[in-house]
Amino acid sequence: MIALFPADFILVVHFAWAAWMVSGVAVAVLGFRWHRFWRWRIFRTAHLFGLIATASTPLWPSGTCPLTIWEWELRAEPSTAAQPGSFIIHWLHEALFWDVDPVILSLISAAAALFTVVMFFLRSPRKMYR
């Protein structure tokens, strides 16, 4: 189980990144109704750059997220081949890696990035006032 720790850790970080990207789009949509969400300047700026980087992944030389490649390489090592993963790691993996055409995922990511960019400029973040 110890040999799987680096790959499992990367999977957890990767899942957290994906959850942050999805939740950021949800917060942007909620901002239409509850304006206090629009005032999170650091969150919105970081999310904008993160989503642009995520959506541009298919344009990178390998066409695959570096975290995915790193996890696959760690899981392919002989010392981890025969070891089963934990229950939670199994379901995080299932939630993160869908059996869908990569083009569809790229289109969804590009649409989310475009939406985020448009919303960032139409409703730019303001400083929080108390």
C-alpha atoms as a PDB file:
ATOM      1  CA  MET A   1       0.000   0.000   0.000  1.00  0.00           C
ATOM      2  CA  ILE A   2       2.910   2.371   0.699  1.00  0.00           C
ATOM      3  CA  ALA A   3       4.120   2.059  -2.897  1.00  0.00           C
ATOM      4  CA  LEU A   4       0.765   3.398  -4.148  1.00  0.00           C
ATOM      5  CA  PHE A   5       0.856   6.507  -1.939  1.00  0.00           C
ATOM      6  CA  PRO A   6       2.470   8.871  -4.508  1.00  0.00           C
ATOM      7  CA  ALA A   7       0.002   7.867  -7.236  1.00  0.00           C
ATOM      8  CA  ASP A   8      -2.934   8.089  -4.808  1.00  0.00           C
ATOM      9  CA  PHE A   9      -1.772  11.514  -3.620  1.00  0.00           C
ATOM     10  CA  ILE A  10      -1.590  12.780  -7.206  1.00  0.00           C
ATOM     11  CA  LEU A  11      -5.098  11.409  -7.837  1.00  0.00           C
ATOM     12  CA  VAL A  12      -6.459  13.274  -4.801  1.00  0.00           C
ATOM     13  CA  VAL A  13      -4.779  16.524  -5.904  1.00  0.00           C
ATOM     14  CA  HIS A  14      -6.082  16.006  -9.457  1.00  0.00           C
ATOM     15  CA  PHE A  15      -9.611  15.395  -8.174  1.00  0.00           C
ATOM     16  CA  ALA A  16      -9.414  18.504  -5.965  1.00  0.00           C
ATOM     17  CA  TRP A  17      -8.294  20.561  -8.973  1.00  0.00           C
ATOM     18  CA  ALA A  18     -11.197  19.278 -11.101  1.00  0.00           C
ATOM     19  CA  ALA A  19     -13.666  19.897  -8.271  1.00  0.00           C
ATOM     20  CA  TRP A  20     -12.360  23.448  -7.899  1.00  0.00           C
ATOM     21  CA  MET A  21     -12.754  24.082 -11.637  1.00  0.00           C
ATOM     22  CA  VAL A  22     -16.333  22.766 -11.667  1.00  0.00           C
ATOM     23  CA  SER A  23     -17.307  24.554  -8.444  1.00  0.00           C
ATOM     24  CA  GLY A  24     -15.887  27.821  -9.776  1.00  0.00           C
ATOM     25  CA  VAL A  25     -18.209  27.676 -12.766  1.00  0.00           C
ATOM     26  CA  ALA A  26     -21.096  26.905 -10.394  1.00  0.00           C
ATOM     27  CA  VAL A  27     -20.171  29.904  -8.222  1.00  0.00           C
ATOM     28  CA  ALA A  28     -20.117  32.073 -11.359  1.00  0.00           C
ATOM     29  CA  VAL A  29     -23.649  30.942 -12.201  1.00  0.00           C
ATOM     30  CA  LEU A  30     -24.781  31.560  -8.619  1.00  0.00           C
ATOM     31  CA  GLY A  31     -23.347  35.051  -8.894  1.00  0.00           C
ATOM     32  CA  PHE A  32     -26.219  36.042 -11.157  1.00  0.00           C
ATOM     33  CA  ARG A  33     -28.577  35.623  -8.202  1.00  0.00           C
ATOM     34  CA  TRP A  34     -26.367  36.286  -5.177  1.00  0.00           C
ATOM     35  CA  HIS A  35     -24.000  39.127  -6.000  1.00  0.00           C
ATOM     36  CA  ARG A  36     -21.644  38.530  -3.095  1.00  0.00           C
ATOM     37  CA  PHE A  37     -20.079  35.642  -5.064  1.00  0.00           C
ATOM     38  CA  TRP A  38     -18.970  38.126  -7.735  1.00  0.00           C
ATOM     39  CA  ARG A  39     -16.825  40.029  -5.268  1.00  0.00           C
ATOM     40  CA  TRP A  40     -14.288  37.252  -4.670  1.00  0.00           C
ATOM     41  CA  ARG A  41     -11.531  38.828  -6.736  1.00  0.00           C
ATOM     42  CA  ILE A  42      -8.705  36.392  -5.898  1.00  0.00           C
ATOM     43  CA  PHE A  43     -10.951  33.349  -6.343  1.00  0.00           C
ATOM     44  CA  ARG A  44     -12.312  34.527  -9.689  1.00  0.00           C
ATOM     45  CA  THR A  45      -8.912  35.534 -11.059  1.00  0.00           C
ATOM     46  CA  ALA A  46      -7.239  32.276  -9.995  1.00  0.00           C
ATOM     47  CA  HIS A  47     -10.173  30.283 -11.336  1.00  0.00           C
ATOM     48  CA  LEU A  48     -10.032  32.125 -14.666  1.00  0.00           C
ATOM     49  CA  PHE A  49      -6.353  31.308 -15.225  1.00  0.00           C
ATOM     50  CA  GLY A  50      -6.783  27.741 -13.953  1.00  0.00           C
ATOM     51  CA  LEU A  51      -9.713  27.065 -16.242  1.00  0.00           C
ATOM     52  CA  ILE A  52      -7.889  28.501 -19.247  1.00  0.00           C
ATOM     53  CA  ALA A  53      -4.923  26.217 -18.473  1.00  0.00           C
ATOM     54  CA  THR A  54      -7.251  23.233 -18.027  1.00  0.00           C
ATOM     55  CA  ALA A  55      -9.190  23.934 -21.218  1.00  0.00           C
ATOM     56  CA  SER A  56      -5.971  24.284 -23.200  1.00  0.00           C
ATOM     57  CA  THR A  57      -4.696  20.846 -22.121  1.00  0.00           C
ATOM     58  CA  PRO A  58      -5.501  19.235 -25.517  1.00  0.00           C
ATOM     59  CA  LEU A  59      -3.207  21.815 -27.124  1.00  0.00           C
ATOM     60  CA  TRP A  60      -0.229  20.780 -24.988  1.00  0.00           C
ATOM     61  CA  PRO A  61       2.418  18.542 -26.627  1.00  0.00           C
ATOM     62  CA  SER A  62       1.090  15.303 -25.093  1.00  0.00           C
ATOM     63  CA  GLY A  63      -2.567  16.329 -25.240  1.00  0.00           C
ATOM     64  CA  THR A  64      -3.028  14.884 -21.771  1.00  0.00           C
ATOM     65  CA  CYS A  65      -3.002  16.515 -18.360  1.00  0.00           C
ATOM     66  CA  PRO A  66       0.436  16.224 -16.730  1.00  0.00           C
ATOM     67  CA  LEU A  67      -1.148  14.976 -13.492  1.00  0.00           C
ATOM     68  CA  THR A  68      -2.774  12.116 -15.407  1.00  0.00           C
ATOM     69  CA  ILE A  69       0.494  11.146 -17.059  1.00  0.00           C
ATOM     70  CA  TRP A  70       2.374  11.293 -13.764  1.00  0.00           C
ATOM     71  CA  GLU A  71      -0.213   9.129 -12.004  1.00  0.00           C
ATOM     72  CA  TRP A  72      -0.218   6.558 -14.827  1.00  0.00           C
ATOM     73  CA  GLU A  73       3.569   6.345 -14.728  1.00  0.00           C
ATOM     74  CA  LEU A  74       3.569   5.787 -10.950  1.00  0.00           C
ATOM     75  CA  ARG A  75       0.863   3.123 -11.183  1.00  0.00           C
ATOM     76  CA  ALA A  76       2.733   1.335 -13.988  1.00  0.00           C
ATOM     77  CA  GLU A  77       5.797   0.698 -11.820  1.00  0.00           C
ATOM     78  CA  PRO A  78       6.342  -3.001 -11.038  1.00  0.00           C
ATOM     79  CA  SER A  79       6.169  -2.407  -7.280  1.00  0.00           C
ATOM     80  CA  THR A  80       2.558  -1.147  -7.556  1.00  0.00           C
ATOM     81  CA  ALA A  81       1.194  -3.467 -10.238  1.00  0.00           C
ATOM     82  CA  ALA A  82      -0.129  -6.198  -7.938  1.00  0.00           C
ATOM     83  CA  GLN A  83      -1.391  -3.929  -5.142  1.00  0.00           C
ATOM     84  CA  PRO A  84      -5.103  -3.159  -4.953  1.00  0.00           C
ATOM     85  CA  GLY A  85      -6.237   0.437  -4.433  1.00  0.00           C
ATOM     86  CA  SER A  86      -8.440   1.583  -1.596  1.00  0.00           C
ATOM     87  CA  PHE A  87     -12.194   2.056  -1.837  1.00  0.00           C
ATOM     88  CA  ILE A  88     -11.995   5.865  -1.817  1.00  0.00           C
ATOM     89  CA  ILE A  89      -9.204   5.976  -4.386  1.00  0.00           C
ATOM     90  CA  HIS A  90     -11.236   3.693  -6.632  1.00  0.00           C
ATOM     91  CA  TRP A  91     -14.253   6.033  -6.545  1.00  0.00           C
ATOM     92  CA  LEU A  92     -12.154   9.185  -6.940  1.00  0.00           C
ATOM     93  CA  HIS A  93     -10.655   7.565 -10.033  1.00  0.00           C
ATOM     94  CA  GLU A  94     -14.119   6.687 -11.350  1.00  0.00           C
ATOM     95  CA  ALA A  95     -15.371  10.245 -10.754  1.00  0.00           C
ATOM     96  CA  LEU A  96     -12.366  11.858 -12.415  1.00  0.00           C
ATOM     97  CA  PHE A  97     -11.787   9.628 -15.439  1.00  0.00           C
ATOM     98  CA  TRP A  98     -14.956   9.188 -17.474  1.00  0.00           C
ATOM     99  CA  ASP A  99     -15.269   6.776 -20.359  1.00  0.00           C
ATOM    100  CA  VAL A 100     -16.119   9.535 -22.841  1.00  0.00           C
ATOM    101  CA  ASP A 101     -14.572  10.694 -26.079  1.00  0.00           C
ATOM    102  CA  PRO A 102     -11.803  13.202 -25.218  1.00  0.00           C
ATOM    103  CA  VAL A 103     -13.190  15.608 -27.822  1.00  0.00           C
ATOM    104  CA  ILE A 104     -16.418  15.922 -25.840  1.00  0.00           C
ATOM    105  CA  LEU A 105     -14.507  16.665 -22.633  1.00  0.00           C
ATOM    106  CA  SER A 106     -12.401  19.222 -24.500  1.00  0.00           C
ATOM    107  CA  LEU A 107     -15.515  20.936 -25.824  1.00  0.00           C
ATOM    108  CA  ILE A 108     -17.058  21.057 -22.347  1.00  0.00           C
ATOM    109  CA  SER A 109     -13.834  22.510 -20.906  1.00  0.00           C
ATOM    110  CA  ALA A 110     -13.582  25.069 -23.703  1.00  0.00           C
ATOM    111  CA  ALA A 111     -17.212  26.127 -23.214  1.00  0.00           C
ATOM    112  CA  ALA A 112     -16.666  26.516 -19.457  1.00  0.00           C
ATOM    113  CA  ALA A 113     -13.501  28.538 -20.061  1.00  0.00           C
ATOM    114  CA  LEU A 114     -15.250  30.763 -22.601  1.00  0.00           C
ATOM    115  CA  PHE A 115     -18.160  31.295 -20.201  1.00  0.00           C
ATOM    116  CA  THR A 116     -15.737  32.180 -17.402  1.00  0.00           C
ATOM    117  CA  VAL A 117     -13.809  34.657 -19.560  1.00  0.00           C
ATOM    118  CA  VAL A 118     -16.991  36.345 -20.763  1.00  0.00           C
ATOM    119  CA  MET A 119     -18.393  36.582 -17.234  1.00  0.00           C
ATOM    120  CA  PHE A 120     -15.073  37.845 -15.910  1.00  0.00           C
ATOM    121  CA  PHE A 121     -15.188  40.811 -18.282  1.00  0.00           C
ATOM    122  CA  LEU A 122     -18.944  41.423 -18.246  1.00  0.00           C
ATOM    123  CA  ARG A 123     -19.137  41.328 -14.457  1.00  0.00           C
ATOM    124  CA  SER A 124     -15.614  42.063 -13.319  1.00  0.00           C
ATOM    125  CA  PRO A 125     -14.750  41.275  -9.699  1.00  0.00           C
ATOM    126  CA  ARG A 126     -14.829  44.127  -7.247  1.00  0.00           C
ATOM    127  CA  LYS A 127     -13.210  44.598  -3.900  1.00  0.00           C
ATOM    128  CA  MET A 128     -15.219  43.327  -0.978  1.00  0.00           C
ATOM    129  CA  TYR A 129     -16.827  46.103   1.044  1.00  0.00           C
ATOM    130  CA  ARG A 130     -18.189  45.666   4.528  1.00  0.00           C
END
